[in-house]
Amino acid sequence: MTTALDDLPLDQVRTLLAVVDEGTFDAAAAALHVTPSAVSQRVKALEQRTGRVLLLRTKPVRPTPSGAVLVRLARQVAWLARDAHAELGLSGAGEPVRVSVAVNADSLATWFLAALTRVPRDPPLCFELRREDETHTAALLREGLVMAAVTSSPDAVPGCSVRPLGRMRYLPVAAPEFAARYLGGPLREALGAAPVVTFDRRDDLQDGFVRRLGGAAASAARHQVPTSEGFVEAVAAGLGWGVVPEPQAEPLLRAGRLTQPAPGTTVDVPLYWQQWKLDSPALAAVAEAVAAGAARALRP
């Protein structure tokens, strides 16, 4: 059975979104001011209409891949409705429009917030930022949880446009005392054996740098520090070596708190901006401000 998008009742699609956002059928019913039975009936009707299972009945409820497509549709419809209300001057106009963006921690700590300050104040916007690794931010777009993302993927998520922002440069660094103690001798072996600082279990920058030198991976002695600022301080304090964003590393290099075990060696991560394909002035304004901020802060 095939179903065109214009055959999908919006009340059913919005109910699906409420269930995903609230986590349970009962909570969605309370948010929509209907009975839990009505919520269940709408979701079942939508599943029958599409011929697909849309929700995993877990706690909290999670959308299936097919459900994620309709959740994204529901968020886009809601966004367009808010834009239309604002342009028509209807009730609620003048209230801030919420823009949800996924962004990696290092961009958030270095250049991204400054870019957002350049977004025009009219219409008024509220930013809802979700911090996620740049290799995983596209997944939040795919699931409909955000409307834009800074990502390392050049492949556009379905329903999204993509534009390059530039390359974020990282420097492999360590505290001078740490380097003197652990990083003598061939650097490939030394870095592979010395304690290392990582952001989290998915952080591959340090391992990738060691592999680039011809080694297998960074040491198994890992300190996980899941904030950008804390990561830099952990490296400067001598807990381990790490790959640090250039804007954060340079002042500490000048102050003598950090040193470069391999001077002149850098790690570049390409970044891209992906966003919903919507004719929205607010989203367009955010995109332009982010692109301009990236042009000032990132490598071309």
Protein backbone atom coordinates (compact mmCIF):
# COMPACT_ATOMS: atom_id res chain seq x y z
CA MET A 1 0.00 0.00 0.00
CA THR A 2 1.32 3.44 -0.92
CA THR A 3 0.30 6.69 0.74
CA ALA A 4 1.00 10.20 -0.48
CA LEU A 5 2.11 12.72 2.11
CA ASP A 6 -0.99 14.82 1.47
CA ASP A 7 -3.08 11.77 2.48
CA LEU A 8 -1.63 11.83 6.01
CA PRO A 9 -4.00 13.48 8.54
CA LEU A 10 -2.05 16.18 10.35
CA ASP A 11 -3.71 15.41 13.68
CA GLN A 12 -2.34 11.87 13.49
CA VAL A 13 1.15 13.06 12.50
CA ARG A 14 1.18 15.64 15.31
CA THR A 15 0.03 12.99 17.76
CA LEU A 16 2.94 10.78 16.72
CA LEU A 17 5.30 13.68 17.39
CA ALA A 18 3.75 14.29 20.82
CA VAL A 19 4.22 10.63 21.79
CA VAL A 20 7.89 10.73 20.76
CA ASP A 21 8.53 14.06 22.51
CA GLU A 22 6.67 13.17 25.72
CA GLY A 23 7.95 9.59 25.87
CA THR A 24 4.67 7.83 26.68
CA PHE A 25 1.11 7.68 25.35
CA ASP A 26 -0.27 8.95 28.66
CA ALA A 27 2.05 11.97 28.71
CA ALA A 28 1.21 12.75 25.09
CA ALA A 29 -2.50 12.59 25.92
CA ALA A 30 -2.01 15.11 28.73
CA ALA A 31 -0.04 17.43 26.44
CA LEU A 32 -2.70 17.23 23.72
CA HIS A 33 -5.64 17.42 26.16
CA VAL A 34 -7.17 14.19 24.85
CA THR A 35 -7.56 10.70 26.30
CA PRO A 36 -4.79 8.08 26.09
CA SER A 37 -7.24 5.97 24.08
CA ALA A 38 -7.53 8.73 21.48
CA VAL A 39 -3.73 8.96 21.21
CA SER A 40 -3.44 5.20 20.76
CA GLN A 41 -6.18 5.18 18.12
CA ARG A 42 -4.54 7.99 16.13
CA VAL A 43 -1.14 6.28 16.13
CA LYS A 44 -2.67 2.93 15.12
CA ALA A 45 -4.63 4.64 12.35
CA LEU A 46 -1.46 6.28 11.06
CA GLU A 47 0.39 2.95 11.14
CA GLN A 48 -2.46 1.31 9.22
CA ARG A 49 -2.53 4.16 6.70
CA THR A 50 1.22 3.92 6.04
CA GLY A 51 1.43 0.14 6.37
CA ARG A 52 4.44 0.48 8.68
CA VAL A 53 5.26 0.19 12.36
CA LEU A 54 6.08 3.75 13.44
CA LEU A 55 6.83 3.39 17.16
CA LEU A 56 8.75 1.02 19.36
CA ARG A 57 6.58 0.62 22.46
CA THR A 58 9.50 0.98 24.85
CA LYS A 59 9.92 3.34 27.80
CA PRO A 60 10.44 5.97 26.61
CA VAL A 61 8.77 5.37 23.27
CA ARG A 62 11.16 5.54 20.30
CA PRO A 63 10.36 6.00 16.62
CA THR A 64 11.27 3.35 14.08
CA PRO A 65 13.16 4.55 10.97
CA SER A 66 9.79 5.04 9.25
CA GLY A 67 8.46 6.83 12.31
CA ALA A 68 11.47 9.15 12.33
CA VAL A 69 10.57 10.29 8.80
CA LEU A 70 7.07 11.33 9.95
CA VAL A 71 8.42 12.91 13.15
CA ARG A 72 10.68 15.07 11.01
CA LEU A 73 7.71 15.96 8.82
CA ALA A 74 5.67 16.95 11.88
CA ARG A 75 8.43 19.23 13.17
CA GLN A 76 8.77 20.89 9.77
CA VAL A 77 5.00 21.46 9.55
CA ALA A 78 5.02 23.00 13.03
CA TRP A 79 7.96 25.24 12.08
CA LEU A 80 6.24 26.45 8.90
CA ALA A 81 3.03 27.08 10.82
CA ARG A 82 4.90 29.31 13.30
CA ASP A 83 6.49 31.22 10.41
CA ALA A 84 3.10 31.71 8.78
CA HIS A 85 1.54 32.95 12.04
CA ALA A 86 4.35 35.47 12.46
CA GLU A 87 4.03 36.77 8.89
CA LEU A 88 0.25 37.07 9.21
CA GLY A 89 0.44 38.80 12.58
CA LEU A 90 -1.84 36.23 14.20
CA SER A 91 -1.94 35.33 17.89
CA GLY A 92 1.44 34.30 19.17
CA ALA A 93 3.26 36.53 16.70
CA GLY A 94 6.20 38.26 18.32
CA GLU A 95 6.98 35.27 20.51
CA PRO A 96 10.51 33.93 20.02
CA VAL A 97 10.87 31.22 17.40
CA ARG A 98 12.79 28.22 18.73
CA VAL A 99 15.66 27.00 16.53
CA SER A 100 17.15 23.63 17.47
CA VAL A 101 20.73 22.99 16.34
CA ALA A 102 23.15 20.12 16.95
CA VAL A 103 26.76 21.26 17.29
CA ASN A 104 29.99 19.62 18.37
CA ALA A 105 31.60 20.64 21.67
CA ASP A 106 34.76 22.15 20.17
CA SER A 107 32.82 24.43 17.82
CA LEU A 108 30.58 25.41 20.72
CA ALA A 109 33.62 26.31 22.83
CA THR A 110 35.45 28.27 20.13
CA TRP A 111 33.48 29.98 17.33
CA PHE A 112 29.84 28.93 17.18
CA LEU A 113 28.34 31.12 19.92
CA ALA A 114 30.00 34.22 18.49
CA ALA A 115 28.39 33.41 15.15
CA LEU A 116 24.94 33.19 16.75
CA THR A 117 25.30 36.68 18.22
CA ARG A 118 25.29 38.00 14.63
CA VAL A 119 21.88 36.55 13.80
CA PRO A 120 19.42 39.47 13.28
CA ARG A 121 17.16 40.11 16.27
CA ASP A 122 14.04 40.31 14.11
CA PRO A 123 12.27 37.95 14.22
CA PRO A 124 13.22 37.10 17.81
CA LEU A 125 14.78 33.65 18.11
CA CYS A 126 15.56 31.25 20.94
CA PHE A 127 18.33 28.72 20.32
CA GLU A 128 18.09 25.17 21.58
CA LEU A 129 21.58 23.74 21.21
CA ARG A 130 22.30 20.03 21.48
CA ARG A 131 25.93 19.11 21.98
CA GLU A 132 27.01 16.04 20.04
CA ASP A 133 30.13 14.75 18.33
CA GLU A 134 30.44 16.14 14.79
CA THR A 135 30.37 12.60 13.39
CA HIS A 136 26.97 11.97 15.01
CA THR A 137 25.11 15.29 14.72
CA ALA A 138 23.63 14.23 11.36
CA ALA A 139 21.80 11.42 13.17
CA LEU A 140 19.85 14.01 15.17
CA LEU A 141 18.80 15.64 11.91
CA ARG A 142 17.77 12.28 10.48
CA GLU A 143 15.63 11.59 13.54
CA GLY A 144 13.97 14.99 13.33
CA LEU A 145 15.30 16.08 16.72
CA VAL A 146 17.00 19.22 15.37
CA MET A 147 16.43 21.38 12.31
CA ALA A 148 20.11 22.12 11.60
CA ALA A 149 23.51 20.73 12.53
CA VAL A 150 27.24 21.31 12.33
CA THR A 151 28.50 17.96 11.08
CA SER A 152 31.57 16.32 9.56
CA SER A 153 29.45 14.55 6.94
CA PRO A 154 29.25 16.05 3.43
CA ASP A 155 26.38 13.69 2.57
CA ALA A 156 23.06 15.45 2.93
CA VAL A 157 20.48 13.87 5.23
CA PRO A 158 17.25 13.23 3.26
CA GLY A 159 15.21 16.43 3.18
CA CYS A 160 18.22 18.58 4.08
CA SER A 161 20.65 20.87 2.26
CA VAL A 162 24.38 20.89 2.98
CA ARG A 163 27.10 23.54 2.63
CA PRO A 164 30.81 23.44 3.59
CA LEU A 165 31.88 25.61 6.51
CA GLY A 166 35.64 25.05 6.55
CA ARG A 167 38.23 22.96 8.36
CA MET A 168 38.69 23.01 12.13
CA ARG A 169 42.40 22.66 12.88
CA TYR A 170 43.68 20.68 15.86
CA LEU A 171 47.19 20.50 17.31
CA PRO A 172 48.67 17.42 19.06
CA VAL A 173 50.00 18.84 22.34
CA ALA A 174 51.13 17.91 25.83
CA ALA A 175 52.33 19.63 28.98
CA PRO A 176 56.14 20.15 28.88
CA GLU A 177 56.74 17.99 31.97
CA PHE A 178 54.55 15.24 30.51
CA ALA A 179 56.40 15.37 27.19
CA ALA A 180 59.77 15.14 28.93
CA ARG A 181 58.63 12.11 30.93
CA TYR A 182 56.68 10.13 28.33
CA LEU A 183 57.46 11.33 24.82
CA GLY A 184 61.17 10.75 24.39
CA GLY A 185 62.28 8.44 21.60
CA PRO A 186 60.34 7.58 18.43
CA LEU A 187 57.09 9.51 18.62
CA ARG A 188 54.94 6.75 17.11
CA GLU A 189 55.82 4.32 19.90
CA ALA A 190 55.85 7.01 22.60
CA LEU A 191 52.36 8.33 21.79
CA GLY A 192 51.04 4.79 21.54
CA ALA A 193 52.23 4.03 25.08
CA ALA A 194 51.76 7.34 26.93
CA PRO A 195 48.55 8.22 28.82
CA VAL A 196 46.10 10.05 26.59
CA VAL A 197 43.10 12.33 27.13
CA THR A 198 39.96 11.63 25.08
CA PHE A 199 36.61 13.38 24.97
CA ASP A 200 34.52 10.21 25.23
CA ARG A 201 34.46 6.64 23.91
CA ARG A 202 33.64 7.84 20.39
CA ASP A 203 36.53 10.33 20.19
CA ASP A 204 38.88 9.04 17.47
CA LEU A 205 41.11 12.09 16.97
CA GLN A 206 43.96 10.83 19.14
CA ASP A 207 43.84 7.28 17.76
CA GLY A 208 43.64 8.66 14.22
CA PHE A 209 46.75 10.77 14.78
CA VAL A 210 48.74 7.78 16.06
CA ARG A 211 47.58 5.69 13.08
CA ARG A 212 48.67 8.53 10.80
CA LEU A 213 52.17 8.24 12.25
CA GLY A 214 52.14 4.51 11.52
CA GLY A 215 51.16 3.22 14.95
CA ALA A 216 48.19 1.05 15.89
CA ALA A 217 46.27 3.32 18.29
CA ALA A 218 46.69 5.54 21.31
CA SER A 219 47.40 4.07 24.73
CA ALA A 220 44.85 2.03 26.65
CA ALA A 221 45.56 4.39 29.58
CA ARG A 222 42.80 6.89 28.75
CA HIS A 223 41.32 9.77 30.70
CA GLN A 224 37.83 10.69 29.45
CA VAL A 225 36.95 14.37 29.92
CA PRO A 226 33.64 15.16 28.14
CA THR A 227 33.83 18.96 27.96
CA SER A 228 35.94 20.97 25.54
CA GLU A 229 37.33 23.31 28.19
CA GLY A 230 37.94 20.48 30.67
CA PHE A 231 39.71 18.45 27.99
CA VAL A 232 42.19 21.27 27.35
CA GLU A 233 42.82 21.78 31.06
CA ALA A 234 43.38 18.04 31.56
CA VAL A 235 46.08 18.05 28.86
CA ALA A 236 47.66 21.24 30.24
CA ALA A 237 47.63 19.70 33.74
CA GLY A 238 49.68 16.76 32.49
CA LEU A 239 47.11 13.96 32.73
CA GLY A 240 47.91 12.92 29.17
CA TRP A 241 48.56 14.17 25.67
CA GLY A 242 45.71 15.15 23.38
CA VAL A 243 44.63 16.75 20.10
CA VAL A 244 43.37 20.26 20.99
CA PRO A 245 41.59 22.86 18.81
CA GLU A 246 44.10 25.43 17.55
CA PRO A 247 42.30 28.47 19.08
CA GLN A 248 42.45 26.82 22.51
CA ALA A 249 46.00 25.49 22.14
CA GLU A 250 47.75 28.62 20.89
CA PRO A 251 47.46 30.78 24.06
CA LEU A 252 48.72 27.88 26.18
CA LEU A 253 51.60 27.24 23.78
CA ARG A 254 52.61 30.91 24.01
CA ALA A 255 52.38 30.75 27.81
CA GLY A 256 54.58 27.64 27.94
CA ARG A 257 51.86 25.45 29.46
CA LEU A 258 51.75 23.24 26.37
CA THR A 259 54.29 21.99 23.88
CA GLN A 260 54.01 20.27 20.49
CA PRO A 261 55.64 16.84 20.38
CA ALA A 262 55.52 16.98 16.56
CA PRO A 263 55.93 20.67 15.63
CA GLY A 264 54.17 21.63 12.42
CA THR A 265 51.90 18.58 12.48
CA THR A 266 48.19 19.31 12.51
CA VAL A 267 44.86 17.48 12.29
CA ASP A 268 42.13 19.07 10.19
CA VAL A 269 38.45 18.13 10.48
CA PRO A 270 36.12 19.39 7.71
CA LEU A 271 32.82 20.78 8.97
CA TYR A 272 29.52 21.23 7.13
CA TRP A 273 26.20 22.92 7.85
CA GLN A 274 23.12 20.83 7.19
CA GLN A 275 19.57 22.11 7.62
CA TRP A 276 16.01 21.30 6.69
CA LYS A 277 15.01 22.36 3.18
CA LEU A 278 12.46 24.92 4.30
CA ASP A 279 11.67 28.36 2.91
CA SER A 280 12.09 29.95 6.32
CA PRO A 281 13.58 33.45 6.76
CA ALA A 282 14.57 32.67 10.35
CA LEU A 283 16.45 29.48 9.47
CA ALA A 284 18.08 31.21 6.50
CA ALA A 285 19.30 34.01 8.77
CA VAL A 286 20.86 31.50 11.17
CA ALA A 287 22.54 29.68 8.29
CA GLU A 288 24.08 32.89 6.93
CA ALA A 289 25.37 33.94 10.36
CA VAL A 290 26.90 30.51 10.97
CA ALA A 291 28.55 30.46 7.54
CA ALA A 292 29.99 33.95 8.10
CA GLY A 293 31.26 32.99 11.56
CA ALA A 294 32.85 29.84 10.21
CA ALA A 295 34.55 31.81 7.43
CA ARG A 296 36.22 34.00 10.07
CA ALA A 297 37.18 31.18 12.45
CA LEU A 298 37.88 28.07 10.36
CA ARG A 299 40.46 27.19 7.75
CA PRO A 300 39.17 27.41 4.16
